[in-house]
Amino acid sequence: MYIGDETRDINSAKKSHVKSVGVTWGFNSSEALEKEKPDFLINHPHELITILDHYQYNILDDSSKVNRLII
């Protein structure tokens, strides 16, 4: 899993064949990150815990859409 705040982080994750998590509180805007289609796009650090919990149990959606957490 690659967690980053820049579009190049999302692209690096794709090239490495790992799940990507874009965080909206960093360098690039949420709109710019969403255009790169990360596996997840989160707005608060606590959302990462939910992703990691689901990832542990292997119930993630493998589609190319951006998954948004509703907490």
PDB file of N, CA and C in Angstrom:
ATOM      1  N   MET A   1       0.849  -1.159   0.000  1.00  0.00           N
ATOM      2  CA  MET A   1       0.000   0.000   0.000  1.00  0.00           C
ATOM      3  C   MET A   1       0.902   1.231   0.000  1.00  0.00           C
ATOM      4  N   TYR A   2       0.586   2.165  -0.889  1.00  0.00           N
ATOM      5  CA  TYR A   2       1.358   3.400  -1.026  1.00  0.00           C
ATOM      6  C   TYR A   2       0.432   4.551  -0.653  1.00  0.00           C
ATOM      7  N   ILE A   3       0.845   5.346   0.317  1.00  0.00           N
ATOM      8  CA  ILE A   3       0.049   6.471   0.801  1.00  0.00           C
ATOM      9  C   ILE A   3       0.782   7.749   0.425  1.00  0.00           C
ATOM     10  N   GLY A   4       0.062   8.651  -0.256  1.00  0.00           N
ATOM     11  CA  GLY A   4       0.728   9.874  -0.670  1.00  0.00           C
ATOM     12  C   GLY A   4      -0.216  11.030  -0.893  1.00  0.00           C
ATOM     13  N   ASP A   5       0.383  12.217  -0.961  1.00  0.00           N
ATOM     14  CA  ASP A   5      -0.394  13.440  -1.144  1.00  0.00           C
ATOM     15  C   ASP A   5      -0.146  14.098  -2.499  1.00  0.00           C
ATOM     16  N   GLU A   6       0.555  13.391  -3.385  1.00  0.00           N
ATOM     17  CA  GLU A   6       0.835  13.934  -4.704  1.00  0.00           C
ATOM     18  C   GLU A   6       0.414  12.957  -5.798  1.00  0.00           C
ATOM     19  N   THR A   7       0.134  13.504  -6.965  1.00  0.00           N
ATOM     20  CA  THR A   7      -0.257  12.656  -8.092  1.00  0.00           C
ATOM     21  C   THR A   7       0.849  11.679  -8.450  1.00  0.00           C
ATOM     22  N   ARG A   8       2.084  12.085  -8.288  1.00  0.00           N
ATOM     23  CA  ARG A   8       3.188  11.169  -8.605  1.00  0.00           C
ATOM     24  C   ARG A   8       3.221   9.976  -7.649  1.00  0.00           C
ATOM     25  N   ASP A   9       2.696  10.149  -6.426  1.00  0.00           N
ATOM     26  CA  ASP A   9       2.600   9.025  -5.496  1.00  0.00           C
ATOM     27  C   ASP A   9       1.604   7.989  -6.004  1.00  0.00           C
ATOM     28  N   ILE A  10       0.474   8.461  -6.521  1.00  0.00           N
ATOM     29  CA  ILE A  10      -0.542   7.555  -7.067  1.00  0.00           C
ATOM     30  C   ILE A  10       0.032   6.803  -8.264  1.00  0.00           C
ATOM     31  N   ASN A  11       0.721   7.519  -9.127  1.00  0.00           N
ATOM     32  CA  ASN A  11       1.322   6.895 -10.311  1.00  0.00           C
ATOM     33  C   ASN A  11       2.409   5.895  -9.922  1.00  0.00           C
ATOM     34  N   SER A  12       3.186   6.204  -8.898  1.00  0.00           N
ATOM     35  CA  SER A  12       4.220   5.271  -8.435  1.00  0.00           C
ATOM     36  C   SER A  12       3.595   3.990  -7.900  1.00  0.00           C
ATOM     37  N   ALA A  13       2.492   4.130  -7.180  1.00  0.00           N
ATOM     38  CA  ALA A  13       1.799   2.949  -6.659  1.00  0.00           C
ATOM     39  C   ALA A  13       1.317   2.065  -7.803  1.00  0.00           C
ATOM     40  N   LYS A  14       0.742   2.679  -8.824  1.00  0.00           N
ATOM     41  CA  LYS A  14       0.262   1.912  -9.977  1.00  0.00           C
ATOM     42  C   LYS A  14       1.402   1.171 -10.657  1.00  0.00           C
ATOM     43  N   LYS A  15       2.527   1.851 -10.836  1.00  0.00           N
ATOM     44  CA  LYS A  15       3.677   1.225 -11.486  1.00  0.00           C
ATOM     45  C   LYS A  15       4.232   0.077 -10.649  1.00  0.00           C
ATOM     46  N   SER A  16       4.044   0.170  -9.335  1.00  0.00           N
ATOM     47  CA  SER A  16       4.547  -0.868  -8.420  1.00  0.00           C
ATOM     48  C   SER A  16       3.519  -1.960  -8.157  1.00  0.00           C
ATOM     49  N   HIS A  17       2.315  -1.797  -8.734  1.00  0.00           N
ATOM     50  CA  HIS A  17       1.230  -2.769  -8.577  1.00  0.00           C
ATOM     51  C   HIS A  17       0.811  -2.946  -7.118  1.00  0.00           C
ATOM     52  N   VAL A  18       0.703  -1.818  -6.409  1.00  0.00           N
ATOM     53  CA  VAL A  18       0.210  -1.836  -5.029  1.00  0.00           C
ATOM     54  C   VAL A  18      -0.983  -0.896  -4.925  1.00  0.00           C
ATOM     55  N   LYS A  19      -1.800  -1.097  -3.908  1.00  0.00           N
ATOM     56  CA  LYS A  19      -2.944  -0.217  -3.674  1.00  0.00           C
ATOM     57  C   LYS A  19      -2.452   1.188  -3.365  1.00  0.00           C
ATOM     58  N   SER A  20      -3.192   2.184  -3.831  1.00  0.00           N
ATOM     59  CA  SER A  20      -2.817   3.578  -3.583  1.00  0.00           C
ATOM     60  C   SER A  20      -3.870   4.264  -2.722  1.00  0.00           C
ATOM     61  N   VAL A  21      -3.378   5.116  -1.836  1.00  0.00           N
ATOM     62  CA  VAL A  21      -4.249   5.932  -0.988  1.00  0.00           C
ATOM     63  C   VAL A  21      -3.806   7.374  -1.160  1.00  0.00           C
ATOM     64  N   GLY A  22      -4.690   8.184  -1.724  1.00  0.00           N
ATOM     65  CA  GLY A  22      -4.414   9.603  -1.842  1.00  0.00           C
ATOM     66  C   GLY A  22      -4.949  10.320  -0.614  1.00  0.00           C
ATOM     67  N   VAL A  23      -4.139  11.208  -0.051  1.00  0.00           N
ATOM     68  CA  VAL A  23      -4.577  11.985   1.109  1.00  0.00           C
ATOM     69  C   VAL A  23      -4.743  13.438   0.697  1.00  0.00           C
ATOM     70  N   THR A  24      -5.878  14.019   1.062  1.00  0.00           N
ATOM     71  CA  THR A  24      -6.238  15.343   0.556  1.00  0.00           C
ATOM     72  C   THR A  24      -5.672  16.505   1.357  1.00  0.00           C
ATOM     73  N   TRP A  25      -4.953  16.235   2.429  1.00  0.00           N
ATOM     74  CA  TRP A  25      -4.442  17.323   3.277  1.00  0.00           C
ATOM     75  C   TRP A  25      -2.994  17.682   2.964  1.00  0.00           C
ATOM     76  N   GLY A  26      -2.511  17.269   1.805  1.00  0.00           N
ATOM     77  CA  GLY A  26      -1.114  17.524   1.468  1.00  0.00           C
ATOM     78  C   GLY A  26      -0.930  18.441   0.281  1.00  0.00           C
ATOM     79  N   PHE A  27       0.015  18.101  -0.569  1.00  0.00           N
ATOM     80  CA  PHE A  27       0.473  18.962  -1.657  1.00  0.00           C
ATOM     81  C   PHE A  27      -0.576  19.167  -2.742  1.00  0.00           C
ATOM     82  N   ASN A  28      -1.086  18.095  -3.339  1.00  0.00           N
ATOM     83  CA  ASN A  28      -2.054  18.226  -4.435  1.00  0.00           C
ATOM     84  C   ASN A  28      -3.482  18.292  -3.920  1.00  0.00           C
ATOM     85  N   SER A  29      -4.341  18.918  -4.697  1.00  0.00           N
ATOM     86  CA  SER A  29      -5.763  19.032  -4.335  1.00  0.00           C
ATOM     87  C   SER A  29      -6.453  17.680  -4.495  1.00  0.00           C
ATOM     88  N   SER A  30      -7.615  17.560  -3.875  1.00  0.00           N
ATOM     89  CA  SER A  30      -8.378  16.317  -4.005  1.00  0.00           C
ATOM     90  C   SER A  30      -8.796  16.095  -5.457  1.00  0.00           C
ATOM     91  N   GLU A  31      -9.079  17.176  -6.178  1.00  0.00           N
ATOM     92  CA  GLU A  31      -9.470  17.061  -7.580  1.00  0.00           C
ATOM     93  C   GLU A  31      -8.328  16.500  -8.420  1.00  0.00           C
ATOM     94  N   ALA A  32      -7.121  16.987  -8.179  1.00  0.00           N
ATOM     95  CA  ALA A  32      -5.956  16.502  -8.930  1.00  0.00           C
ATOM     96  C   ALA A  32      -5.684  15.037  -8.609  1.00  0.00           C
ATOM     97  N   LEU A  33      -5.799  14.672  -7.341  1.00  0.00           N
ATOM     98  CA  LEU A  33      -5.583  13.281  -6.944  1.00  0.00           C
ATOM     99  C   LEU A  33      -6.634  12.366  -7.547  1.00  0.00           C
ATOM    100  N   GLU A  34      -7.885  12.799  -7.534  1.00  0.00           N
ATOM    101  CA  GLU A  34      -8.978  11.972  -8.048  1.00  0.00           C
ATOM    102  C   GLU A  34      -8.806  11.684  -9.546  1.00  0.00           C
ATOM    103  N   LYS A  35      -8.250  12.621 -10.284  1.00  0.00           N
ATOM    104  CA  LYS A  35      -8.017  12.412 -11.716  1.00  0.00           C
ATOM    105  C   LYS A  35      -7.063  11.252 -11.975  1.00  0.00           C
ATOM    106  N   GLU A  36      -6.198  10.967 -11.014  1.00  0.00           N
ATOM    107  CA  GLU A  36      -5.238   9.864 -11.162  1.00  0.00           C
ATOM    108  C   GLU A  36      -5.840   8.527 -10.734  1.00  0.00           C
ATOM    109  N   LYS A  37      -7.074   8.533 -10.265  1.00  0.00           N
ATOM    110  CA  LYS A  37      -7.819   7.326  -9.882  1.00  0.00           C
ATOM    111  C   LYS A  37      -7.097   6.452  -8.843  1.00  0.00           C
ATOM    112  N   PRO A  38      -6.839   7.040  -7.661  1.00  0.00           N
ATOM    113  CA  PRO A  38      -6.268   6.195  -6.603  1.00  0.00           C
ATOM    114  C   PRO A  38      -7.296   5.151  -6.167  1.00  0.00           C
ATOM    115  N   ASP A  39      -6.826   4.095  -5.534  1.00  0.00           N
ATOM    116  CA  ASP A  39      -7.761   3.091  -5.025  1.00  0.00           C
ATOM    117  C   ASP A  39      -8.622   3.682  -3.916  1.00  0.00           C
ATOM    118  N   PHE A  40      -8.047   4.591  -3.155  1.00  0.00           N
ATOM    119  CA  PHE A  40      -8.775   5.271  -2.086  1.00  0.00           C
ATOM    120  C   PHE A  40      -8.354   6.728  -2.057  1.00  0.00           C
ATOM    121  N   LEU A  41      -9.280   7.585  -1.666  1.00  0.00           N
ATOM    122  CA  LEU A  41      -9.009   9.003  -1.492  1.00  0.00           C
ATOM    123  C   LEU A  41      -9.607   9.383  -0.150  1.00  0.00           C
ATOM    124  N   ILE A  42      -8.762   9.813   0.775  1.00  0.00           N
ATOM    125  CA  ILE A  42      -9.249  10.084   2.128  1.00  0.00           C
ATOM    126  C   ILE A  42      -9.001  11.541   2.512  1.00  0.00           C
ATOM    127  N   ASN A  43      -9.862  12.026   3.411  1.00  0.00           N
ATOM    128  CA  ASN A  43      -9.809  13.414   3.849  1.00  0.00           C
ATOM    129  C   ASN A  43      -9.296  13.589   5.270  1.00  0.00           C
ATOM    130  N   HIS A  44      -9.121  12.493   6.002  1.00  0.00           N
ATOM    131  CA  HIS A  44      -8.670  12.575   7.390  1.00  0.00           C
ATOM    132  C   HIS A  44      -7.854  11.322   7.725  1.00  0.00           C
ATOM    133  N   PRO A  45      -6.803  11.485   8.511  1.00  0.00           N
ATOM    134  CA  PRO A  45      -5.952  10.329   8.837  1.00  0.00           C
ATOM    135  C   PRO A  45      -6.694   9.144   9.455  1.00  0.00           C
ATOM    136  N   HIS A  46      -7.744   9.387  10.233  1.00  0.00           N
ATOM    137  CA  HIS A  46      -8.449   8.258  10.870  1.00  0.00           C
ATOM    138  C   HIS A  46      -9.095   7.331   9.836  1.00  0.00           C
ATOM    139  N   GLU A  47      -9.349   7.825   8.632  1.00  0.00           N
ATOM    140  CA  GLU A  47      -9.927   6.983   7.580  1.00  0.00           C
ATOM    141  C   GLU A  47      -8.957   5.881   7.142  1.00  0.00           C
ATOM    142  N   LEU A  48      -7.680   6.113   7.313  1.00  0.00           N
ATOM    143  CA  LEU A  48      -6.681   5.113   6.950  1.00  0.00           C
ATOM    144  C   LEU A  48      -6.833   3.847   7.794  1.00  0.00           C
ATOM    145  N   ILE A  49      -7.224   3.997   9.032  1.00  0.00           N
ATOM    146  CA  ILE A  49      -7.429   2.835   9.904  1.00  0.00           C
ATOM    147  C   ILE A  49      -8.512   1.929   9.329  1.00  0.00           C
ATOM    148  N   THR A  50      -9.582   2.508   8.845  1.00  0.00           N
ATOM    149  CA  THR A  50     -10.663   1.728   8.243  1.00  0.00           C
ATOM    150  C   THR A  50     -10.171   0.977   7.009  1.00  0.00           C
ATOM    151  N   ILE A  51      -9.392   1.653   6.185  1.00  0.00           N
ATOM    152  CA  ILE A  51      -8.842   1.001   4.991  1.00  0.00           C
ATOM    153  C   ILE A  51      -7.968  -0.174   5.393  1.00  0.00           C
ATOM    154  N   LEU A  52      -7.102   0.036   6.340  1.00  0.00           N
ATOM    155  CA  LEU A  52      -6.194  -1.030   6.768  1.00  0.00           C
ATOM    156  C   LEU A  52      -6.953  -2.199   7.384  1.00  0.00           C
ATOM    157  N   ASP A  53      -8.000  -1.920   8.137  1.00  0.00           N
ATOM    158  CA  ASP A  53      -8.824  -2.995   8.695  1.00  0.00           C
ATOM    159  C   ASP A  53      -9.449  -3.826   7.580  1.00  0.00           C
ATOM    160  N   HIS A  54     -10.012  -3.185   6.571  1.00  0.00           N
ATOM    161  CA  HIS A  54     -10.631  -3.903   5.458  1.00  0.00           C
ATOM    162  C   HIS A  54      -9.592  -4.636   4.622  1.00  0.00           C
ATOM    163  N   TYR A  55      -8.441  -4.025   4.442  1.00  0.00           N
ATOM    164  CA  TYR A  55      -7.384  -4.644   3.662  1.00  0.00           C
ATOM    165  C   TYR A  55      -6.901  -5.930   4.334  1.00  0.00           C
ATOM    166  N   GLN A  56      -6.831  -5.892   5.639  1.00  0.00           N
ATOM    167  CA  GLN A  56      -6.407  -7.061   6.410  1.00  0.00           C
ATOM    168  C   GLN A  56      -7.312  -8.253   6.135  1.00  0.00           C
ATOM    169  N   TYR A  57      -8.600  -8.000   5.970  1.00  0.00           N
ATOM    170  CA  TYR A  57      -9.560  -9.078   5.740  1.00  0.00           C
ATOM    171  C   TYR A  57      -9.844  -9.305   4.262  1.00  0.00           C
ATOM    172  N   ASN A  58      -9.098  -8.607   3.407  1.00  0.00           N
ATOM    173  CA  ASN A  58      -9.144  -8.833   1.964  1.00  0.00           C
ATOM    174  C   ASN A  58     -10.546  -8.672   1.380  1.00  0.00           C
ATOM    175  N   ILE A  59     -11.222  -7.594   1.759  1.00  0.00           N
ATOM    176  CA  ILE A  59     -12.561  -7.355   1.221  1.00  0.00           C
ATOM    177  C   ILE A  59     -12.601  -6.064   0.403  1.00  0.00           C
ATOM    178  N   LEU A  60     -11.452  -5.647  -0.113  1.00  0.00           N
ATOM    179  CA  LEU A  60     -11.405  -4.428  -0.907  1.00  0.00           C
ATOM    180  C   LEU A  60     -11.971  -4.662  -2.292  1.00  0.00           C
ATOM    181  N   ASP A  61     -12.557  -3.638  -2.841  1.00  0.00           N
ATOM    182  CA  ASP A  61     -13.070  -3.655  -4.200  1.00  0.00           C
ATOM    183  C   ASP A  61     -11.898  -3.468  -5.157  1.00  0.00           C
ATOM    184  N   ASP A  62     -11.712  -4.371  -6.110  1.00  0.00           N
ATOM    185  CA  ASP A  62     -10.593  -4.281  -7.039  1.00  0.00           C
ATOM    186  C   ASP A  62     -10.924  -3.483  -8.304  1.00  0.00           C
ATOM    187  N   SER A  63     -12.058  -2.825  -8.327  1.00  0.00           N
ATOM    188  CA  SER A  63     -12.405  -2.043  -9.519  1.00  0.00           C
ATOM    189  C   SER A  63     -11.531  -0.799  -9.593  1.00  0.00           C
ATOM    190  N   SER A  64     -11.578  -0.117 -10.712  1.00  0.00           N
ATOM    191  CA  SER A  64     -10.718   1.042 -10.918  1.00  0.00           C
ATOM    192  C   SER A  64     -11.324   2.335 -10.388  1.00  0.00           C
ATOM    193  N   LYS A  65     -12.513   2.263  -9.826  1.00  0.00           N
ATOM    194  CA  LYS A  65     -13.120   3.499  -9.312  1.00  0.00           C
ATOM    195  C   LYS A  65     -12.462   3.914  -7.995  1.00  0.00           C
ATOM    196  N   VAL A  66     -12.605   5.165  -7.650  1.00  0.00           N
ATOM    197  CA  VAL A  66     -12.092   5.671  -6.375  1.00  0.00           C
ATOM    198  C   VAL A  66     -13.080   5.301  -5.290  1.00  0.00           C
ATOM    199  N   ASN A  67     -12.591   4.656  -4.253  1.00  0.00           N
ATOM    200  CA  ASN A  67     -13.431   4.282  -3.133  1.00  0.00           C
ATOM    201  C   ASN A  67     -13.402   5.406  -2.099  1.00  0.00           C
ATOM    202  N   ARG A  68     -14.552   5.876  -1.723  1.00  0.00           N
ATOM    203  CA  ARG A  68     -14.654   6.918  -0.700  1.00  0.00           C
ATOM    204  C   ARG A  68     -15.239   6.294   0.554  1.00  0.00           C
ATOM    205  N   LEU A  69     -14.633   6.652   1.665  1.00  0.00           N
ATOM    206  CA  LEU A  69     -15.114   6.131   2.935  1.00  0.00           C
ATOM    207  C   LEU A  69     -16.163   7.075   3.511  1.00  0.00           C
ATOM    208  N   ILE A  70     -17.202   6.528   4.053  1.00  0.00           N
ATOM    209  CA  ILE A  70     -18.217   7.309   4.750  1.00  0.00           C
ATOM    210  C   ILE A  70     -18.174   6.879   6.191  1.00  0.00           C
ATOM    211  N   ILE A  71     -17.694   7.765   7.041  1.00  0.00           N
ATOM    212  CA  ILE A  71     -17.542   7.428   8.463  1.00  0.00           C
ATOM    213  C   ILE A  71     -18.351   8.405   9.301  1.00  0.00           C
TER     214      ILE A  71
END
